[in-house]
């Protein structure tokens, strides 16, 4: 959405989709070009055969997308798995982005939503997982539970998700965060049970000059659960990133 010389790139999490950024994108589109690509972790056929084995696989895909489209100066923002991809890019490519935004990011500590997954997951297991991720009960719909249940009941896809979950666990950025020199904003759900507030505070402690903002009544997906407040915090942060 939007156009112009300043780009904001939004990366979703393991169970997320670009659609989860829609309200944030609509808010920002009058002032920025905003992109939310689909990471190749969705339940399309063949993901297990062709898919991700390490986080750098995803990072390279995003870098290639940006370079192929010649997107110019950009700020990269990631939720959960997307946050880890954003971190991996900014650590390995210090010149890639003008700013970094982390929301419920993996990379230090994350309670895997895939723990306890077996070959015949029940709807009750899915409901429990979803309610850990989303703090707001009205977002935990029967349609969402059905959709997730269908996805993880596909054994090939479930094995693929476990592989991505292991890759996420294996990519720790703990000892690399102090190398980040770009403006960084940490936006975190105050009720996040997957990456609890203490994780946000640890990112804040380790990333030089980072800003930390908590959103109340919000879990692991702030751009979906509290999109207006997320957009407000993001837009307050962006001008300093793009300042000449």
C-alpha atoms as a PDB file:
ATOM      1  CA  UNK A   1       0.000   0.000   0.000  1.00  0.00           C
ATOM      2  CA  UNK A   2       1.049   3.586  -0.536  1.00  0.00           C
ATOM      3  CA  UNK A   3       3.965   4.911  -2.550  1.00  0.00           C
ATOM      4  CA  UNK A   4       6.867   7.298  -2.299  1.00  0.00           C
ATOM      5  CA  UNK A   5      10.574   7.027  -1.507  1.00  0.00           C
ATOM      6  CA  UNK A   6      10.266   5.827   2.112  1.00  0.00           C
ATOM      7  CA  UNK A   7       9.457   2.140   2.600  1.00  0.00           C
ATOM      8  CA  UNK A   8       8.354   0.165   5.635  1.00  0.00           C
ATOM      9  CA  UNK A   9       8.718  -3.613   5.355  1.00  0.00           C
ATOM     10  CA  UNK A  10       6.514  -5.701   7.680  1.00  0.00           C
ATOM     11  CA  UNK A  11       7.328  -9.361   8.419  1.00  0.00           C
ATOM     12  CA  UNK A  12       4.784 -11.667  10.061  1.00  0.00           C
ATOM     13  CA  UNK A  13       5.337 -14.594  12.436  1.00  0.00           C
ATOM     14  CA  UNK A  14       5.122 -18.366  12.053  1.00  0.00           C
ATOM     15  CA  UNK A  15       1.322 -18.535  12.227  1.00  0.00           C
ATOM     16  CA  UNK A  16       0.847 -15.007  10.918  1.00  0.00           C
ATOM     17  CA  UNK A  17      -0.081 -13.715   7.474  1.00  0.00           C
ATOM     18  CA  UNK A  18       0.365 -10.383   5.679  1.00  0.00           C
ATOM     19  CA  UNK A  19      -3.329  -9.801   6.394  1.00  0.00           C
ATOM     20  CA  UNK A  20      -2.463  -9.313  10.070  1.00  0.00           C
ATOM     21  CA  UNK A  21      -0.760  -6.030   9.096  1.00  0.00           C
ATOM     22  CA  UNK A  22      -3.726  -4.614   7.142  1.00  0.00           C
ATOM     23  CA  UNK A  23      -4.953  -2.011   9.656  1.00  0.00           C
ATOM     24  CA  UNK A  24      -1.399  -0.819  10.321  1.00  0.00           C
ATOM     25  CA  UNK A  25      -0.744  -0.586   6.575  1.00  0.00           C
ATOM     26  CA  UNK A  26      -3.920   1.373   5.921  1.00  0.00           C
ATOM     27  CA  UNK A  27      -2.942   3.854   8.622  1.00  0.00           C
ATOM     28  CA  UNK A  28       0.551   4.352   7.209  1.00  0.00           C
ATOM     29  CA  UNK A  29      -0.138   4.243   3.453  1.00  0.00           C
ATOM     30  CA  UNK A  30      -0.822   7.983   3.054  1.00  0.00           C
ATOM     31  CA  UNK A  31       2.768   8.742   4.141  1.00  0.00           C
ATOM     32  CA  UNK A  32       4.817   5.634   3.321  1.00  0.00           C
ATOM     33  CA  UNK A  33       5.133   2.773   0.884  1.00  0.00           C
ATOM     34  CA  UNK A  34       4.275  -0.248   3.037  1.00  0.00           C
ATOM     35  CA  UNK A  35       4.965  -3.882   2.073  1.00  0.00           C
ATOM     36  CA  UNK A  36       3.981  -7.058   3.918  1.00  0.00           C
ATOM     37  CA  UNK A  37       5.291 -10.105   2.019  1.00  0.00           C
ATOM     38  CA  UNK A  38       4.119 -13.660   2.612  1.00  0.00           C
ATOM     39  CA  UNK A  39       6.982 -15.580   4.183  1.00  0.00           C
ATOM     40  CA  UNK A  40       7.245 -19.125   2.774  1.00  0.00           C
ATOM     41  CA  UNK A  41       6.039 -20.784   5.989  1.00  0.00           C
ATOM     42  CA  UNK A  42       2.348 -21.029   5.077  1.00  0.00           C
ATOM     43  CA  UNK A  43       0.597 -24.373   4.365  1.00  0.00           C
ATOM     44  CA  UNK A  44       1.132 -24.420   0.618  1.00  0.00           C
ATOM     45  CA  UNK A  45       1.921 -27.794  -0.958  1.00  0.00           C
ATOM     46  CA  UNK A  46       5.623 -28.526  -1.225  1.00  0.00           C
ATOM     47  CA  UNK A  47       6.819 -26.314   1.617  1.00  0.00           C
ATOM     48  CA  UNK A  48       8.408 -29.302   3.352  1.00  0.00           C
ATOM     49  CA  UNK A  49      10.424 -30.295   0.279  1.00  0.00           C
ATOM     50  CA  UNK A  50      11.531 -26.813  -0.786  1.00  0.00           C
ATOM     51  CA  UNK A  51      11.324 -24.954   2.456  1.00  0.00           C
ATOM     52  CA  UNK A  52      13.282 -23.358   5.222  1.00  0.00           C
ATOM     53  CA  UNK A  53      16.082 -25.135   7.071  1.00  0.00           C
ATOM     54  CA  UNK A  54      17.653 -22.142   8.802  1.00  0.00           C
ATOM     55  CA  UNK A  55      16.687 -18.547   9.505  1.00  0.00           C
ATOM     56  CA  UNK A  56      19.215 -17.228   6.990  1.00  0.00           C
ATOM     57  CA  UNK A  57      17.155 -18.924   4.244  1.00  0.00           C
ATOM     58  CA  UNK A  58      14.318 -16.521   5.044  1.00  0.00           C
ATOM     59  CA  UNK A  59      16.681 -13.568   5.438  1.00  0.00           C
ATOM     60  CA  UNK A  60      18.146 -14.114   1.976  1.00  0.00           C
ATOM     61  CA  UNK A  61      14.662 -14.245   0.446  1.00  0.00           C
ATOM     62  CA  UNK A  62      13.766 -10.897   2.000  1.00  0.00           C
ATOM     63  CA  UNK A  63      17.048  -9.277   0.968  1.00  0.00           C
ATOM     64  CA  UNK A  64      16.543 -10.537  -2.591  1.00  0.00           C
ATOM     65  CA  UNK A  65      13.004  -9.128  -2.644  1.00  0.00           C
ATOM     66  CA  UNK A  66      14.204  -5.704  -1.518  1.00  0.00           C
ATOM     67  CA  UNK A  67      17.102  -5.636  -3.973  1.00  0.00           C
ATOM     68  CA  UNK A  68      15.070  -6.913  -6.939  1.00  0.00           C
ATOM     69  CA  UNK A  69      12.426  -4.236  -6.376  1.00  0.00           C
ATOM     70  CA  UNK A  70      15.016  -1.550  -5.613  1.00  0.00           C
ATOM     71  CA  UNK A  71      12.978  -0.425  -2.623  1.00  0.00           C
ATOM     72  CA  UNK A  72      15.468   2.176  -1.465  1.00  0.00           C
ATOM     73  CA  UNK A  73      15.652   3.479   2.117  1.00  0.00           C
ATOM     74  CA  UNK A  74      13.534   1.313   4.387  1.00  0.00           C
ATOM     75  CA  UNK A  75      12.665   0.452   7.941  1.00  0.00           C
ATOM     76  CA  UNK A  76      12.163  -3.254   8.680  1.00  0.00           C
ATOM     77  CA  UNK A  77       9.628  -4.388  11.251  1.00  0.00           C
ATOM     78  CA  UNK A  78       9.045  -7.967  12.373  1.00  0.00           C
ATOM     79  CA  UNK A  79       6.730  -9.862  14.692  1.00  0.00           C
ATOM     80  CA  UNK A  80       7.878 -13.116  16.343  1.00  0.00           C
ATOM     81  CA  UNK A  81       9.644 -15.184  13.635  1.00  0.00           C
ATOM     82  CA  UNK A  82       9.560 -12.068  11.435  1.00  0.00           C
ATOM     83  CA  UNK A  83      11.404 -10.179  14.156  1.00  0.00           C
ATOM     84  CA  UNK A  84      14.165 -12.768  14.170  1.00  0.00           C
ATOM     85  CA  UNK A  85      14.441 -12.542  10.375  1.00  0.00           C
ATOM     86  CA  UNK A  86      14.677  -8.750  10.660  1.00  0.00           C
ATOM     87  CA  UNK A  87      17.365  -9.076  13.323  1.00  0.00           C
ATOM     88  CA  UNK A  88      19.341 -11.602  11.290  1.00  0.00           C
ATOM     89  CA  UNK A  89      19.304  -9.228   8.303  1.00  0.00           C
ATOM     90  CA  UNK A  90      20.301  -6.143  10.294  1.00  0.00           C
ATOM     91  CA  UNK A  91      23.095  -8.005  12.098  1.00  0.00           C
ATOM     92  CA  UNK A  92      24.586  -9.514   8.941  1.00  0.00           C
ATOM     93  CA  UNK A  93      23.835  -6.517   6.680  1.00  0.00           C
ATOM     94  CA  UNK A  94      24.368  -3.361   8.773  1.00  0.00           C
ATOM     95  CA  UNK A  95      23.655  -1.149   5.744  1.00  0.00           C
ATOM     96  CA  UNK A  96      20.336  -2.797   4.873  1.00  0.00           C
ATOM     97  CA  UNK A  97      17.843  -0.730   6.888  1.00  0.00           C
ATOM     98  CA  UNK A  98      17.441   2.773   8.289  1.00  0.00           C
ATOM     99  CA  UNK A  99      15.605   1.454  11.329  1.00  0.00           C
ATOM    100  CA  UNK A 100      14.445  -1.715  13.051  1.00  0.00           C
ATOM    101  CA  UNK A 101      11.177  -2.454  14.863  1.00  0.00           C
ATOM    102  CA  UNK A 102      10.701  -5.601  16.943  1.00  0.00           C
ATOM    103  CA  UNK A 103       7.350  -6.922  18.194  1.00  0.00           C
ATOM    104  CA  UNK A 104       7.268 -10.133  20.220  1.00  0.00           C
ATOM    105  CA  UNK A 105      10.512 -11.076  18.501  1.00  0.00           C
ATOM    106  CA  UNK A 106      12.213 -14.442  18.688  1.00  0.00           C
ATOM    107  CA  UNK A 107      15.985 -14.576  19.039  1.00  0.00           C
ATOM    108  CA  UNK A 108      16.459 -14.536  22.812  1.00  0.00           C
ATOM    109  CA  UNK A 109      13.622 -16.517  24.349  1.00  0.00           C
ATOM    110  CA  UNK A 110      10.394 -17.831  22.884  1.00  0.00           C
ATOM    111  CA  UNK A 111       7.956 -20.416  24.203  1.00  0.00           C
ATOM    112  CA  UNK A 112       7.432 -22.387  21.007  1.00  0.00           C
ATOM    113  CA  UNK A 113       3.781 -22.584  19.917  1.00  0.00           C
ATOM    114  CA  UNK A 114       4.710 -25.974  18.412  1.00  0.00           C
ATOM    115  CA  UNK A 115       5.593 -27.633  21.726  1.00  0.00           C
ATOM    116  CA  UNK A 116       3.456 -30.672  22.468  1.00  0.00           C
ATOM    117  CA  UNK A 117       2.339 -31.030  18.851  1.00  0.00           C
ATOM    118  CA  UNK A 118       1.642 -34.669  17.946  1.00  0.00           C
ATOM    119  CA  UNK A 119       0.457 -36.392  14.797  1.00  0.00           C
ATOM    120  CA  UNK A 120      -3.225 -36.070  15.745  1.00  0.00           C
ATOM    121  CA  UNK A 121      -3.623 -32.630  17.329  1.00  0.00           C
ATOM    122  CA  UNK A 122      -7.005 -31.978  18.923  1.00  0.00           C
ATOM    123  CA  UNK A 123      -9.055 -28.820  18.581  1.00  0.00           C
ATOM    124  CA  UNK A 124      -8.557 -28.332  22.317  1.00  0.00           C
ATOM    125  CA  UNK A 125      -4.776 -28.298  21.792  1.00  0.00           C
ATOM    126  CA  UNK A 126      -5.181 -25.703  19.035  1.00  0.00           C
ATOM    127  CA  UNK A 127      -7.524 -23.591  21.152  1.00  0.00           C
ATOM    128  CA  UNK A 128      -5.010 -23.625  24.021  1.00  0.00           C
ATOM    129  CA  UNK A 129      -2.204 -22.602  21.658  1.00  0.00           C
ATOM    130  CA  UNK A 130      -4.200 -19.769  20.101  1.00  0.00           C
ATOM    131  CA  UNK A 131      -5.275 -18.384  23.474  1.00  0.00           C
ATOM    132  CA  UNK A 132      -1.626 -18.278  24.562  1.00  0.00           C
ATOM    133  CA  UNK A 133      -0.720 -16.270  21.468  1.00  0.00           C
ATOM    134  CA  UNK A 134      -3.703 -13.900  21.446  1.00  0.00           C
ATOM    135  CA  UNK A 135      -4.678 -12.089  24.615  1.00  0.00           C
ATOM    136  CA  UNK A 136      -7.970 -10.732  23.248  1.00  0.00           C
ATOM    137  CA  UNK A 137     -10.680 -13.404  23.478  1.00  0.00           C
ATOM    138  CA  UNK A 138     -12.743 -11.948  20.632  1.00  0.00           C
ATOM    139  CA  UNK A 139      -9.940 -12.799  18.198  1.00  0.00           C
ATOM    140  CA  UNK A 140     -10.018 -16.483  19.152  1.00  0.00           C
ATOM    141  CA  UNK A 141     -12.801 -17.481  16.794  1.00  0.00           C
ATOM    142  CA  UNK A 142     -14.009 -20.961  15.849  1.00  0.00           C
ATOM    143  CA  UNK A 143     -13.040 -20.176  12.243  1.00  0.00           C
ATOM    144  CA  UNK A 144      -9.454 -19.413  13.294  1.00  0.00           C
ATOM    145  CA  UNK A 145      -9.233 -22.593  15.378  1.00  0.00           C
ATOM    146  CA  UNK A 146     -10.602 -24.644  12.461  1.00  0.00           C
ATOM    147  CA  UNK A 147      -8.075 -23.082  10.083  1.00  0.00           C
ATOM    148  CA  UNK A 148      -5.104 -23.830  12.347  1.00  0.00           C
ATOM    149  CA  UNK A 149      -6.398 -27.305  13.116  1.00  0.00           C
ATOM    150  CA  UNK A 150      -6.604 -28.164   9.407  1.00  0.00           C
ATOM    151  CA  UNK A 151      -3.091 -26.848   8.834  1.00  0.00           C
ATOM    152  CA  UNK A 152      -1.316 -28.762  11.617  1.00  0.00           C
ATOM    153  CA  UNK A 153      -3.322 -31.934  10.931  1.00  0.00           C
ATOM    154  CA  UNK A 154      -1.388 -32.143   7.646  1.00  0.00           C
ATOM    155  CA  UNK A 155       1.569 -34.257   8.778  1.00  0.00           C
ATOM    156  CA  UNK A 156       3.955 -32.964   6.130  1.00  0.00           C
ATOM    157  CA  UNK A 157       3.170 -29.373   7.043  1.00  0.00           C
ATOM    158  CA  UNK A 158       3.385 -30.086  10.777  1.00  0.00           C
ATOM    159  CA  UNK A 159       6.860 -31.587  10.285  1.00  0.00           C
ATOM    160  CA  UNK A 160       7.832 -28.511   8.297  1.00  0.00           C
ATOM    161  CA  UNK A 161       6.593 -26.228  11.101  1.00  0.00           C
ATOM    162  CA  UNK A 162       8.632 -28.190  13.620  1.00  0.00           C
ATOM    163  CA  UNK A 163      11.694 -27.723  11.432  1.00  0.00           C
ATOM    164  CA  UNK A 164      11.139 -23.964  11.265  1.00  0.00           C
ATOM    165  CA  UNK A 165      10.565 -23.916  15.019  1.00  0.00           C
ATOM    166  CA  UNK A 166      13.907 -25.679  15.553  1.00  0.00           C
ATOM    167  CA  UNK A 167      15.630 -23.230  13.194  1.00  0.00           C
ATOM    168  CA  UNK A 168      14.159 -20.385  15.241  1.00  0.00           C
ATOM    169  CA  UNK A 169      15.402 -21.916  18.483  1.00  0.00           C
ATOM    170  CA  UNK A 170      18.867 -22.480  17.012  1.00  0.00           C
ATOM    171  CA  UNK A 171      19.322 -18.864  15.841  1.00  0.00           C
ATOM    172  CA  UNK A 172      20.187 -16.989  19.013  1.00  0.00           C
ATOM    173  CA  UNK A 173      21.154 -13.338  18.608  1.00  0.00           C
ATOM    174  CA  UNK A 174      22.077 -12.901  22.286  1.00  0.00           C
ATOM    175  CA  UNK A 175      25.735 -12.062  21.712  1.00  0.00           C
ATOM    176  CA  UNK A 176      25.232 -10.013  18.528  1.00  0.00           C
ATOM    177  CA  UNK A 177      22.683  -7.414  19.614  1.00  0.00           C
ATOM    178  CA  UNK A 178      25.305  -4.974  20.847  1.00  0.00           C
ATOM    179  CA  UNK A 179      26.558  -4.645  17.252  1.00  0.00           C
ATOM    180  CA  UNK A 180      23.306  -3.002  16.109  1.00  0.00           C
ATOM    181  CA  UNK A 181      23.846   0.679  15.419  1.00  0.00           C
ATOM    182  CA  UNK A 182      20.572   1.637  13.745  1.00  0.00           C
ATOM    183  CA  UNK A 183      17.544   3.236  15.455  1.00  0.00           C
ATOM    184  CA  UNK A 184      15.539   0.450  17.101  1.00  0.00           C
ATOM    185  CA  UNK A 185      12.017   0.456  18.529  1.00  0.00           C
ATOM    186  CA  UNK A 186      10.727  -2.451  20.615  1.00  0.00           C
ATOM    187  CA  UNK A 187       6.918  -2.697  20.742  1.00  0.00           C
ATOM    188  CA  UNK A 188       5.652  -5.445  23.032  1.00  0.00           C
ATOM    189  CA  UNK A 189       2.359  -6.779  24.299  1.00  0.00           C
ATOM    190  CA  UNK A 190       2.209  -6.339  28.068  1.00  0.00           C
ATOM    191  CA  UNK A 191       0.339  -9.674  28.248  1.00  0.00           C
ATOM    192  CA  UNK A 192       2.588 -11.634  25.873  1.00  0.00           C
ATOM    193  CA  UNK A 193       2.842 -15.263  27.067  1.00  0.00           C
ATOM    194  CA  UNK A 194       5.043 -16.524  24.212  1.00  0.00           C
ATOM    195  CA  UNK A 195       7.823 -13.948  24.550  1.00  0.00           C
ATOM    196  CA  UNK A 196       7.059 -12.408  27.952  1.00  0.00           C
ATOM    197  CA  UNK A 197       7.752  -8.768  28.860  1.00  0.00           C
ATOM    198  CA  UNK A 198      11.055  -9.781  30.449  1.00  0.00           C
ATOM    199  CA  UNK A 199      12.237 -10.746  26.950  1.00  0.00           C
ATOM    200  CA  UNK A 200      11.434  -7.257  25.688  1.00  0.00           C
ATOM    201  CA  UNK A 201      13.402  -5.785  28.576  1.00  0.00           C
ATOM    202  CA  UNK A 202      16.366  -8.016  27.710  1.00  0.00           C
ATOM    203  CA  UNK A 203      16.293  -6.846  24.081  1.00  0.00           C
ATOM    204  CA  UNK A 204      16.132  -3.282  25.382  1.00  0.00           C
ATOM    205  CA  UNK A 205      19.124  -3.865  27.634  1.00  0.00           C
ATOM    206  CA  UNK A 206      21.248  -5.438  24.925  1.00  0.00           C
ATOM    207  CA  UNK A 207      20.474  -3.207  21.900  1.00  0.00           C
ATOM    208  CA  UNK A 208      22.269   0.147  22.125  1.00  0.00           C
ATOM    209  CA  UNK A 209      19.924   3.149  22.434  1.00  0.00           C
ATOM    210  CA  UNK A 210      16.786   1.100  21.738  1.00  0.00           C
ATOM    211  CA  UNK A 211      13.359   2.440  22.712  1.00  0.00           C
ATOM    212  CA  UNK A 212      10.865   0.168  24.492  1.00  0.00           C
ATOM    213  CA  UNK A 213       7.083   0.581  24.463  1.00  0.00           C
ATOM    214  CA  UNK A 214       4.535  -1.783  26.016  1.00  0.00           C
ATOM    215  CA  UNK A 215       0.935  -2.025  24.807  1.00  0.00           C
ATOM    216  CA  UNK A 216      -1.609  -2.926  27.467  1.00  0.00           C
ATOM    217  CA  UNK A 217      -4.263  -5.604  26.932  1.00  0.00           C
ATOM    218  CA  UNK A 218      -2.113  -7.143  24.210  1.00  0.00           C
ATOM    219  CA  UNK A 219      -0.434 -10.503  23.667  1.00  0.00           C
ATOM    220  CA  UNK A 220       2.082 -11.826  21.157  1.00  0.00           C
ATOM    221  CA  UNK A 221       0.687 -10.144  18.030  1.00  0.00           C
ATOM    222  CA  UNK A 222       0.381  -6.396  18.756  1.00  0.00           C
ATOM    223  CA  UNK A 223      -0.179  -5.381  15.132  1.00  0.00           C
ATOM    224  CA  UNK A 224      -3.250  -7.640  15.064  1.00  0.00           C
ATOM    225  CA  UNK A 225      -4.515  -7.144  18.612  1.00  0.00           C
ATOM    226  CA  UNK A 226      -3.941  -3.381  19.029  1.00  0.00           C
ATOM    227  CA  UNK A 227      -3.251  -2.128  15.496  1.00  0.00           C
ATOM    228  CA  UNK A 228      -4.144   1.525  16.068  1.00  0.00           C
ATOM    229  CA  UNK A 229      -1.757   1.867  19.006  1.00  0.00           C
ATOM    230  CA  UNK A 230       0.911  -0.122  17.159  1.00  0.00           C
ATOM    231  CA  UNK A 231       0.602   2.196  14.141  1.00  0.00           C
ATOM    232  CA  UNK A 232       0.778   5.291  16.364  1.00  0.00           C
ATOM    233  CA  UNK A 233       3.995   4.136  18.017  1.00  0.00           C
ATOM    234  CA  UNK A 234       5.508   3.104  14.695  1.00  0.00           C
ATOM    235  CA  UNK A 235       4.678   6.385  12.974  1.00  0.00           C
ATOM    236  CA  UNK A 236       6.131   8.385  15.870  1.00  0.00           C
ATOM    237  CA  UNK A 237       9.372   6.456  15.447  1.00  0.00           C
ATOM    238  CA  UNK A 238       9.777   6.576  11.663  1.00  0.00           C
ATOM    239  CA  UNK A 239      10.676  10.241  11.024  1.00  0.00           C
ATOM    240  CA  UNK A 240      13.951   9.942  12.943  1.00  0.00           C
ATOM    241  CA  UNK A 241      14.874   6.879  10.869  1.00  0.00           C
ATOM    242  CA  UNK A 242      14.373   8.637   7.559  1.00  0.00           C
ATOM    243  CA  UNK A 243      15.874  11.991   8.609  1.00  0.00           C
ATOM    244  CA  UNK A 244      18.760  13.035   6.376  1.00  0.00           C
END
